[in-house]
Amino acid sequence: MYARITRYQIKSGHIDAAKAQAEAMKADIMALPGIKRFVNAIRDDGSGYIVTLVSSQAEAEASLPRVREIWGKMAEHLDGMPTPEGFDVVAQWENT
């Protein structure tokens, strides 16, 4: 399992519009190759992180052009274009 973690910053006054835009892109996001889980967390100041769990590093890397395209659709709401970082997942725990 591989994790792509991306820090981002939404422009002041754009949080609600950015949330709506992200929701509208849900199908595109969840159709990325190998995606298993997508978590988007944001603070009131517009700073946030996206954690995406992907089956493999190869699938995560292969999908980067599409990921950049999706981020591009959010550009009007972003304070700079985010850069995803990749990590090997060493533990994934969950209470159900």
PDB file of N, CA and C in Angstrom:
ATOM      1  N   MET A   1       0.857  -1.174   0.000  1.00  0.00           N
ATOM      2  CA  MET A   1       0.000   0.000   0.000  1.00  0.00           C
ATOM      3  C   MET A   1       0.898   1.230   0.000  1.00  0.00           C
ATOM      4  N   TYR A   2       0.414   2.280  -0.635  1.00  0.00           N
ATOM      5  CA  TYR A   2       1.176   3.519  -0.796  1.00  0.00           C
ATOM      6  C   TYR A   2       0.264   4.694  -0.457  1.00  0.00           C
ATOM      7  N   ALA A   3       0.809   5.713   0.149  1.00  0.00           N
ATOM      8  CA  ALA A   3       0.029   6.899   0.511  1.00  0.00           C
ATOM      9  C   ALA A   3       0.565   8.111  -0.239  1.00  0.00           C
ATOM     10  N   ARG A   4      -0.357   8.861  -0.798  1.00  0.00           N
ATOM     11  CA  ARG A   4      -0.011  10.151  -1.380  1.00  0.00           C
ATOM     12  C   ARG A   4      -0.603  11.194  -0.424  1.00  0.00           C
ATOM     13  N   ILE A   5       0.251  12.059   0.111  1.00  0.00           N
ATOM     14  CA  ILE A   5      -0.176  13.078   1.074  1.00  0.00           C
ATOM     15  C   ILE A   5       0.152  14.442   0.486  1.00  0.00           C
ATOM     16  N   THR A   6      -0.874  15.304   0.478  1.00  0.00           N
ATOM     17  CA  THR A   6      -0.728  16.600  -0.160  1.00  0.00           C
ATOM     18  C   THR A   6      -1.228  17.697   0.762  1.00  0.00           C
ATOM     19  N   ARG A   7      -0.355  18.648   1.071  1.00  0.00           N
ATOM     20  CA  ARG A   7      -0.751  19.828   1.834  1.00  0.00           C
ATOM     21  C   ARG A   7      -1.199  20.885   0.842  1.00  0.00           C
ATOM     22  N   TYR A   8      -2.294  21.584   1.177  1.00  0.00           N
ATOM     23  CA  TYR A   8      -2.785  22.641   0.304  1.00  0.00           C
ATOM     24  C   TYR A   8      -3.297  23.816   1.128  1.00  0.00           C
ATOM     25  N   GLN A   9      -3.500  24.945   0.442  1.00  0.00           N
ATOM     26  CA  GLN A   9      -4.038  26.148   1.078  1.00  0.00           C
ATOM     27  C   GLN A   9      -5.110  26.735   0.167  1.00  0.00           C
ATOM     28  N   ILE A  10      -6.311  26.880   0.719  1.00  0.00           N
ATOM     29  CA  ILE A  10      -7.414  27.506  -0.003  1.00  0.00           C
ATOM     30  C   ILE A  10      -7.360  29.013   0.247  1.00  0.00           C
ATOM     31  N   LYS A  11      -7.643  29.785  -0.779  1.00  0.00           N
ATOM     32  CA  LYS A  11      -7.683  31.248  -0.645  1.00  0.00           C
ATOM     33  C   LYS A  11      -8.780  31.660   0.326  1.00  0.00           C
ATOM     34  N   SER A  12      -8.548  32.765   0.992  1.00  0.00           N
ATOM     35  CA  SER A  12      -9.537  33.323   1.911  1.00  0.00           C
ATOM     36  C   SER A  12     -10.846  33.574   1.159  1.00  0.00           C
ATOM     37  N   GLY A  13     -11.950  33.148   1.765  1.00  0.00           N
ATOM     38  CA  GLY A  13     -13.256  33.345   1.164  1.00  0.00           C
ATOM     39  C   GLY A  13     -13.658  32.307   0.137  1.00  0.00           C
ATOM     40  N   HIS A  14     -12.798  31.321  -0.105  1.00  0.00           N
ATOM     41  CA  HIS A  14     -13.061  30.314  -1.138  1.00  0.00           C
ATOM     42  C   HIS A  14     -13.364  28.927  -0.573  1.00  0.00           C
ATOM     43  N   ILE A  15     -13.413  28.767   0.735  1.00  0.00           N
ATOM     44  CA  ILE A  15     -13.542  27.424   1.307  1.00  0.00           C
ATOM     45  C   ILE A  15     -14.819  26.734   0.848  1.00  0.00           C
ATOM     46  N   ASP A  16     -15.953  27.386   0.952  1.00  0.00           N
ATOM     47  CA  ASP A  16     -17.209  26.739   0.559  1.00  0.00           C
ATOM     48  C   ASP A  16     -17.216  26.372  -0.922  1.00  0.00           C
ATOM     49  N   ALA A  17     -16.729  27.263  -1.758  1.00  0.00           N
ATOM     50  CA  ALA A  17     -16.672  26.981  -3.196  1.00  0.00           C
ATOM     51  C   ALA A  17     -15.710  25.830  -3.488  1.00  0.00           C
ATOM     52  N   ALA A  18     -14.591  25.783  -2.776  1.00  0.00           N
ATOM     53  CA  ALA A  18     -13.617  24.700  -2.975  1.00  0.00           C
ATOM     54  C   ALA A  18     -14.203  23.358  -2.545  1.00  0.00           C
ATOM     55  N   LYS A  19     -14.932  23.354  -1.424  1.00  0.00           N
ATOM     56  CA  LYS A  19     -15.581  22.114  -0.981  1.00  0.00           C
ATOM     57  C   LYS A  19     -16.593  21.629  -2.021  1.00  0.00           C
ATOM     58  N   ALA A  20     -17.367  22.548  -2.565  1.00  0.00           N
ATOM     59  CA  ALA A  20     -18.351  22.181  -3.588  1.00  0.00           C
ATOM     60  C   ALA A  20     -17.669  21.663  -4.846  1.00  0.00           C
ATOM     61  N   GLN A  21     -16.571  22.296  -5.246  1.00  0.00           N
ATOM     62  CA  GLN A  21     -15.815  21.851  -6.421  1.00  0.00           C
ATOM     63  C   GLN A  21     -15.260  20.451  -6.202  1.00  0.00           C
ATOM     64  N   ALA A  22     -14.709  20.202  -5.015  1.00  0.00           N
ATOM     65  CA  ALA A  22     -14.164  18.870  -4.708  1.00  0.00           C
ATOM     66  C   ALA A  22     -15.265  17.818  -4.767  1.00  0.00           C
ATOM     67  N   GLU A  23     -16.414  18.131  -4.208  1.00  0.00           N
ATOM     68  CA  GLU A  23     -17.539  17.177  -4.236  1.00  0.00           C
ATOM     69  C   GLU A  23     -17.958  16.881  -5.676  1.00  0.00           C
ATOM     70  N   ALA A  24     -17.948  17.897  -6.524  1.00  0.00           N
ATOM     71  CA  ALA A  24     -18.314  17.717  -7.926  1.00  0.00           C
ATOM     72  C   ALA A  24     -17.304  16.836  -8.670  1.00  0.00           C
ATOM     73  N   MET A  25     -16.072  16.777  -8.171  1.00  0.00           N
ATOM     74  CA  MET A  25     -15.024  15.976  -8.820  1.00  0.00           C
ATOM     75  C   MET A  25     -14.857  14.598  -8.186  1.00  0.00           C
ATOM     76  N   LYS A  26     -15.728  14.225  -7.265  1.00  0.00           N
ATOM     77  CA  LYS A  26     -15.592  12.960  -6.542  1.00  0.00           C
ATOM     78  C   LYS A  26     -15.420  11.770  -7.479  1.00  0.00           C
ATOM     79  N   ALA A  27     -16.236  11.667  -8.504  1.00  0.00           N
ATOM     80  CA  ALA A  27     -16.145  10.521  -9.424  1.00  0.00           C
ATOM     81  C   ALA A  27     -14.781  10.473 -10.105  1.00  0.00           C
ATOM     82  N   ASP A  28     -14.254  11.631 -10.522  1.00  0.00           N
ATOM     83  CA  ASP A  28     -12.936  11.685 -11.166  1.00  0.00           C
ATOM     84  C   ASP A  28     -11.836  11.264 -10.194  1.00  0.00           C
ATOM     85  N   ILE A  29     -11.943  11.743  -8.958  1.00  0.00           N
ATOM     86  CA  ILE A  29     -10.938  11.420  -7.946  1.00  0.00           C
ATOM     87  C   ILE A  29     -10.954   9.919  -7.637  1.00  0.00           C
ATOM     88  N   MET A  30     -12.141   9.388  -7.395  1.00  0.00           N
ATOM     89  CA  MET A  30     -12.244   7.986  -7.005  1.00  0.00           C
ATOM     90  C   MET A  30     -11.983   7.026  -8.165  1.00  0.00           C
ATOM     91  N   ALA A  31     -11.938   7.542  -9.395  1.00  0.00           N
ATOM     92  CA  ALA A  31     -11.624   6.707 -10.562  1.00  0.00           C
ATOM     93  C   ALA A  31     -10.123   6.614 -10.832  1.00  0.00           C
ATOM     94  N   LEU A  32      -9.305   7.320 -10.039  1.00  0.00           N
ATOM     95  CA  LEU A  32      -7.853   7.228 -10.228  1.00  0.00           C
ATOM     96  C   LEU A  32      -7.406   5.785 -10.021  1.00  0.00           C
ATOM     97  N   PRO A  33      -6.484   5.305 -10.829  1.00  0.00           N
ATOM     98  CA  PRO A  33      -6.048   3.910 -10.735  1.00  0.00           C
ATOM     99  C   PRO A  33      -5.531   3.537  -9.348  1.00  0.00           C
ATOM    100  N   GLY A  34      -6.036   2.441  -8.813  1.00  0.00           N
ATOM    101  CA  GLY A  34      -5.542   1.890  -7.558  1.00  0.00           C
ATOM    102  C   GLY A  34      -6.014   2.578  -6.300  1.00  0.00           C
ATOM    103  N   ILE A  35      -6.830   3.617  -6.412  1.00  0.00           N
ATOM    104  CA  ILE A  35      -7.237   4.354  -5.216  1.00  0.00           C
ATOM    105  C   ILE A  35      -8.120   3.485  -4.323  1.00  0.00           C
ATOM    106  N   LYS A  36      -7.799   3.498  -3.047  1.00  0.00           N
ATOM    107  CA  LYS A  36      -8.538   2.719  -2.049  1.00  0.00           C
ATOM    108  C   LYS A  36      -9.288   3.616  -1.080  1.00  0.00           C
ATOM    109  N   ARG A  37      -8.675   4.739  -0.715  1.00  0.00           N
ATOM    110  CA  ARG A  37      -9.281   5.631   0.277  1.00  0.00           C
ATOM    111  C   ARG A  37      -8.826   7.054  -0.006  1.00  0.00           C
ATOM    112  N   PHE A  38      -9.745   7.995   0.197  1.00  0.00           N
ATOM    113  CA  PHE A  38      -9.472   9.415  -0.015  1.00  0.00           C
ATOM    114  C   PHE A  38      -9.983  10.163   1.208  1.00  0.00           C
ATOM    115  N   VAL A  39      -9.101  10.922   1.858  1.00  0.00           N
ATOM    116  CA  VAL A  39      -9.484  11.721   3.025  1.00  0.00           C
ATOM    117  C   VAL A  39      -9.031  13.153   2.772  1.00  0.00           C
ATOM    118  N   ASN A  40      -9.970  14.086   2.905  1.00  0.00           N
ATOM    119  CA  ASN A  40      -9.680  15.506   2.736  1.00  0.00           C
ATOM    120  C   ASN A  40      -9.997  16.180   4.063  1.00  0.00           C
ATOM    121  N   ALA A  41      -8.998  16.796   4.688  1.00  0.00           N
ATOM    122  CA  ALA A  41      -9.172  17.473   5.976  1.00  0.00           C
ATOM    123  C   ALA A  41      -8.753  18.931   5.825  1.00  0.00           C
ATOM    124  N   ILE A  42      -9.584  19.834   6.381  1.00  0.00           N
ATOM    125  CA  ILE A  42      -9.317  21.265   6.224  1.00  0.00           C
ATOM    126  C   ILE A  42      -9.644  22.002   7.515  1.00  0.00           C
ATOM    127  N   ARG A  43      -8.898  23.063   7.765  1.00  0.00           N
ATOM    128  CA  ARG A  43      -9.152  23.958   8.902  1.00  0.00           C
ATOM    129  C   ARG A  43      -9.941  25.174   8.418  1.00  0.00           C
ATOM    130  N   ASP A  44     -10.448  25.937   9.393  1.00  0.00           N
ATOM    131  CA  ASP A  44     -11.200  27.155   9.074  1.00  0.00           C
ATOM    132  C   ASP A  44     -10.359  28.192   8.335  1.00  0.00           C
ATOM    133  N   ASP A  45      -9.025  28.125   8.481  1.00  0.00           N
ATOM    134  CA  ASP A  45      -8.161  29.090   7.797  1.00  0.00           C
ATOM    135  C   ASP A  45      -7.834  28.681   6.357  1.00  0.00           C
ATOM    136  N   GLY A  46      -8.404  27.551   5.906  1.00  0.00           N
ATOM    137  CA  GLY A  46      -8.203  27.086   4.535  1.00  0.00           C
ATOM    138  C   GLY A  46      -7.015  26.171   4.343  1.00  0.00           C
ATOM    139  N   SER A  47      -6.246  25.906   5.402  1.00  0.00           N
ATOM    140  CA  SER A  47      -5.132  24.973   5.263  1.00  0.00           C
ATOM    141  C   SER A  47      -5.669  23.545   5.381  1.00  0.00           C
ATOM    142  N   GLY A  48      -5.131  22.672   4.566  1.00  0.00           N
ATOM    143  CA  GLY A  48      -5.634  21.314   4.590  1.00  0.00           C
ATOM    144  C   GLY A  48      -4.647  20.291   4.077  1.00  0.00           C
ATOM    145  N   TYR A  49      -5.045  19.037   4.233  1.00  0.00           N
ATOM    146  CA  TYR A  49      -4.271  17.898   3.746  1.00  0.00           C
ATOM    147  C   TYR A  49      -5.214  16.925   3.064  1.00  0.00           C
ATOM    148  N   ILE A  50      -4.706  16.288   2.027  1.00  0.00           N
ATOM    149  CA  ILE A  50      -5.402  15.161   1.417  1.00  0.00           C
ATOM    150  C   ILE A  50      -4.502  13.953   1.589  1.00  0.00           C
ATOM    151  N   VAL A  51      -5.092  12.876   2.089  1.00  0.00           N
ATOM    152  CA  VAL A  51      -4.390  11.603   2.223  1.00  0.00           C
ATOM    153  C   VAL A  51      -5.126  10.607   1.337  1.00  0.00           C
ATOM    154  N   THR A  52      -4.418  10.073   0.378  1.00  0.00           N
ATOM    155  CA  THR A  52      -4.986   9.094  -0.537  1.00  0.00           C
ATOM    156  C   THR A  52      -4.204   7.799  -0.395  1.00  0.00           C
ATOM    157  N   LEU A  53      -4.903   6.712  -0.120  1.00  0.00           N
ATOM    158  CA  LEU A  53      -4.267   5.398  -0.083  1.00  0.00           C
ATOM    159  C   LEU A  53      -4.465   4.734  -1.435  1.00  0.00           C
ATOM    160  N   VAL A  54      -3.353   4.256  -1.979  1.00  0.00           N
ATOM    161  CA  VAL A  54      -3.328   3.672  -3.317  1.00  0.00           C
ATOM    162  C   VAL A  54      -2.708   2.282  -3.216  1.00  0.00           C
ATOM    163  N   SER A  55      -3.137   1.383  -4.074  1.00  0.00           N
ATOM    164  CA  SER A  55      -2.657  -0.004  -4.042  1.00  0.00           C
ATOM    165  C   SER A  55      -1.141  -0.113  -4.116  1.00  0.00           C
ATOM    166  N   SER A  56      -0.511   0.718  -4.969  1.00  0.00           N
ATOM    167  CA  SER A  56       0.934   0.604  -5.139  1.00  0.00           C
ATOM    168  C   SER A  56       1.552   1.949  -5.516  1.00  0.00           C
ATOM    169  N   GLN A  57       2.839   2.032  -5.298  1.00  0.00           N
ATOM    170  CA  GLN A  57       3.575   3.227  -5.689  1.00  0.00           C
ATOM    171  C   GLN A  57       3.506   3.418  -7.201  1.00  0.00           C
ATOM    172  N   ALA A  58       3.597   2.318  -7.956  1.00  0.00           N
ATOM    173  CA  ALA A  58       3.551   2.412  -9.415  1.00  0.00           C
ATOM    174  C   ALA A  58       2.237   3.023  -9.887  1.00  0.00           C
ATOM    175  N   GLU A  59       1.120   2.610  -9.292  1.00  0.00           N
ATOM    176  CA  GLU A  59      -0.171   3.178  -9.682  1.00  0.00           C
ATOM    177  C   GLU A  59      -0.266   4.651  -9.271  1.00  0.00           C
ATOM    178  N   ALA A  60       0.254   4.973  -8.098  1.00  0.00           N
ATOM    179  CA  ALA A  60       0.233   6.358  -7.637  1.00  0.00           C
ATOM    180  C   ALA A  60       1.042   7.244  -8.581  1.00  0.00           C
ATOM    181  N   GLU A  61       2.211   6.797  -8.961  1.00  0.00           N
ATOM    182  CA  GLU A  61       3.059   7.583  -9.852  1.00  0.00           C
ATOM    183  C   GLU A  61       2.460   7.690 -11.251  1.00  0.00           C
ATOM    184  N   ALA A  62       1.849   6.612 -11.732  1.00  0.00           N
ATOM    185  CA  ALA A  62       1.242   6.630 -13.064  1.00  0.00           C
ATOM    186  C   ALA A  62       0.064   7.602 -13.132  1.00  0.00           C
ATOM    187  N   SER A  63      -0.601   7.817 -12.005  1.00  0.00           N
ATOM    188  CA  SER A  63      -1.774   8.694 -11.999  1.00  0.00           C
ATOM    189  C   SER A  63      -1.429  10.174 -11.774  1.00  0.00           C
ATOM    190  N   LEU A  64      -0.159  10.502 -11.547  1.00  0.00           N
ATOM    191  CA  LEU A  64       0.215  11.890 -11.249  1.00  0.00           C
ATOM    192  C   LEU A  64      -0.216  12.905 -12.310  1.00  0.00           C
ATOM    193  N   PRO A  65      -0.111  12.597 -13.611  1.00  0.00           N
ATOM    194  CA  PRO A  65      -0.601  13.584 -14.583  1.00  0.00           C
ATOM    195  C   PRO A  65      -2.098  13.878 -14.401  1.00  0.00           C
ATOM    196  N   ARG A  66      -2.871  12.865 -14.133  1.00  0.00           N
ATOM    197  CA  ARG A  66      -4.314  13.050 -13.912  1.00  0.00           C
ATOM    198  C   ARG A  66      -4.565  13.808 -12.602  1.00  0.00           C
ATOM    199  N   VAL A  67      -3.764  13.510 -11.568  1.00  0.00           N
ATOM    200  CA  VAL A  67      -3.885  14.220 -10.286  1.00  0.00           C
ATOM    201  C   VAL A  67      -3.617  15.700 -10.497  1.00  0.00           C
ATOM    202  N   ARG A  68      -2.578  16.037 -11.249  1.00  0.00           N
ATOM    203  CA  ARG A  68      -2.263  17.442 -11.529  1.00  0.00           C
ATOM    204  C   ARG A  68      -3.405  18.120 -12.301  1.00  0.00           C
ATOM    205  N   GLU A  69      -4.016  17.377 -13.208  1.00  0.00           N
ATOM    206  CA  GLU A  69      -5.154  17.899 -13.967  1.00  0.00           C
ATOM    207  C   GLU A  69      -6.333  18.210 -13.028  1.00  0.00           C
ATOM    208  N   ILE A  70      -6.591  17.312 -12.088  1.00  0.00           N
ATOM    209  CA  ILE A  70      -7.671  17.529 -11.117  1.00  0.00           C
ATOM    210  C   ILE A  70      -7.363  18.744 -10.250  1.00  0.00           C
ATOM    211  N   TRP A  71      -6.124  18.855  -9.754  1.00  0.00           N
ATOM    212  CA  TRP A  71      -5.749  20.037  -8.975  1.00  0.00           C
ATOM    213  C   TRP A  71      -5.903  21.301  -9.815  1.00  0.00           C
ATOM    214  N   GLY A  72      -5.624  21.212 -11.094  1.00  0.00           N
ATOM    215  CA  GLY A  72      -5.768  22.366 -11.980  1.00  0.00           C
ATOM    216  C   GLY A  72      -7.189  22.906 -12.014  1.00  0.00           C
ATOM    217  N   LYS A  73      -8.159  22.015 -11.883  1.00  0.00           N
ATOM    218  CA  LYS A  73      -9.568  22.434 -11.855  1.00  0.00           C
ATOM    219  C   LYS A  73      -9.898  23.201 -10.574  1.00  0.00           C
ATOM    220  N   MET A  74      -9.044  23.072  -9.561  1.00  0.00           N
ATOM    221  CA  MET A  74      -9.233  23.778  -8.290  1.00  0.00           C
ATOM    222  C   MET A  74      -8.425  25.071  -8.225  1.00  0.00           C
ATOM    223  N   ALA A  75      -7.665  25.380  -9.263  1.00  0.00           N
ATOM    224  CA  ALA A  75      -6.680  26.467  -9.229  1.00  0.00           C
ATOM    225  C   ALA A  75      -7.258  27.803  -8.770  1.00  0.00           C
ATOM    226  N   GLU A  76      -8.472  28.137  -9.180  1.00  0.00           N
ATOM    227  CA  GLU A  76      -9.027  29.442  -8.809  1.00  0.00           C
ATOM    228  C   GLU A  76      -9.247  29.571  -7.303  1.00  0.00           C
ATOM    229  N   HIS A  77      -9.303  28.441  -6.598  1.00  0.00           N
ATOM    230  CA  HIS A  77      -9.536  28.444  -5.159  1.00  0.00           C
ATOM    231  C   HIS A  77      -8.254  28.276  -4.335  1.00  0.00           C
ATOM    232  N   LEU A  78      -7.157  27.952  -5.002  1.00  0.00           N
ATOM    233  CA  LEU A  78      -5.917  27.606  -4.307  1.00  0.00           C
ATOM    234  C   LEU A  78      -4.959  28.780  -4.194  1.00  0.00           C
ATOM    235  N   ASP A  79      -4.253  28.812  -3.089  1.00  0.00           N
ATOM    236  CA  ASP A  79      -3.171  29.767  -2.889  1.00  0.00           C
ATOM    237  C   ASP A  79      -1.869  29.032  -3.214  1.00  0.00           C
ATOM    238  N   GLY A  80      -1.653  28.793  -4.490  1.00  0.00           N
ATOM    239  CA  GLY A  80      -0.494  28.034  -4.949  1.00  0.00           C
ATOM    240  C   GLY A  80      -0.861  26.601  -5.269  1.00  0.00           C
ATOM    241  N   MET A  81      -0.157  26.023  -6.212  1.00  0.00           N
ATOM    242  CA  MET A  81      -0.426  24.652  -6.625  1.00  0.00           C
ATOM    243  C   MET A  81       0.281  23.678  -5.682  1.00  0.00           C
ATOM    244  N   PRO A  82      -0.443  22.740  -5.110  1.00  0.00           N
ATOM    245  CA  PRO A  82       0.149  21.772  -4.185  1.00  0.00           C
ATOM    246  C   PRO A  82       1.050  20.766  -4.896  1.00  0.00           C
ATOM    247  N   THR A  83       1.955  20.189  -4.127  1.00  0.00           N
ATOM    248  CA  THR A  83       2.831  19.133  -4.627  1.00  0.00           C
ATOM    249  C   THR A  83       2.610  17.878  -3.797  1.00  0.00           C
ATOM    250  N   PRO A  84       2.044  16.831  -4.402  1.00  0.00           N
ATOM    251  CA  PRO A  84       1.834  15.586  -3.665  1.00  0.00           C
ATOM    252  C   PRO A  84       3.163  14.937  -3.292  1.00  0.00           C
ATOM    253  N   GLU A  85       3.181  14.291  -2.129  1.00  0.00           N
ATOM    254  CA  GLU A  85       4.345  13.519  -1.693  1.00  0.00           C
ATOM    255  C   GLU A  85       3.898  12.084  -1.492  1.00  0.00           C
ATOM    256  N   GLY A  86       4.793  11.145  -1.738  1.00  0.00           N
ATOM    257  CA  GLY A  86       4.451   9.732  -1.605  1.00  0.00           C
ATOM    258  C   GLY A  86       5.200   9.060  -0.476  1.00  0.00           C
ATOM    259  N   PHE A  87       4.528   8.095   0.155  1.00  0.00           N
ATOM    260  CA  PHE A  87       5.082   7.369   1.297  1.00  0.00           C
ATOM    261  C   PHE A  87       4.625   5.910   1.253  1.00  0.00           C
ATOM    262  N   ASP A  88       5.488   5.019   1.708  1.00  0.00           N
ATOM    263  CA  ASP A  88       5.070   3.632   1.917  1.00  0.00           C
ATOM    264  C   ASP A  88       4.223   3.576   3.176  1.00  0.00           C
ATOM    265  N   VAL A  89       3.111   2.873   3.122  1.00  0.00           N
ATOM    266  CA  VAL A  89       2.248   2.715   4.286  1.00  0.00           C
ATOM    267  C   VAL A  89       2.811   1.584   5.144  1.00  0.00           C
ATOM    268  N   VAL A  90       3.104   1.887   6.401  1.00  0.00           N
ATOM    269  CA  VAL A  90       3.644   0.859   7.309  1.00  0.00           C
ATOM    270  C   VAL A  90       2.584   0.365   8.284  1.00  0.00           C
ATOM    271  N   ALA A  91       1.496   1.103   8.429  1.00  0.00           N
ATOM    272  CA  ALA A  91       0.381   0.662   9.278  1.00  0.00           C
ATOM    273  C   ALA A  91      -0.875   1.373   8.809  1.00  0.00           C
ATOM    274  N   GLN A  92      -1.966   0.658   8.854  1.00  0.00           N
ATOM    275  CA  GLN A  92      -3.272   1.241   8.529  1.00  0.00           C
ATOM    276  C   GLN A  92      -4.279   0.609   9.501  1.00  0.00           C
ATOM    277  N   TRP A  93      -4.625   1.339  10.511  1.00  0.00           N
ATOM    278  CA  TRP A  93      -5.517   0.839  11.553  1.00  0.00           C
ATOM    279  C   TRP A  93      -6.833   1.565  11.492  1.00  0.00           C
ATOM    280  N   GLU A  94      -7.874   0.879  11.849  1.00  0.00           N
ATOM    281  CA  GLU A  94      -9.201   1.495  11.807  1.00  0.00           C
ATOM    282  C   GLU A  94     -10.129   0.789  12.775  1.00  0.00           C
ATOM    283  N   ASN A  95     -10.862   1.556  13.541  1.00  0.00           N
ATOM    284  CA  ASN A  95     -11.947   1.008  14.367  1.00  0.00           C
ATOM    285  C   ASN A  95     -13.212   1.052  13.532  1.00  0.00           C
ATOM    286  N   THR A  96     -13.995   0.026  13.629  1.00  0.00           N
ATOM    287  CA  THR A  96     -15.256   0.032  12.886  1.00  0.00           C
ATOM    288  C   THR A  96     -16.429  -0.026  13.832  1.00  0.00           C
TER     289      THR A  96
END
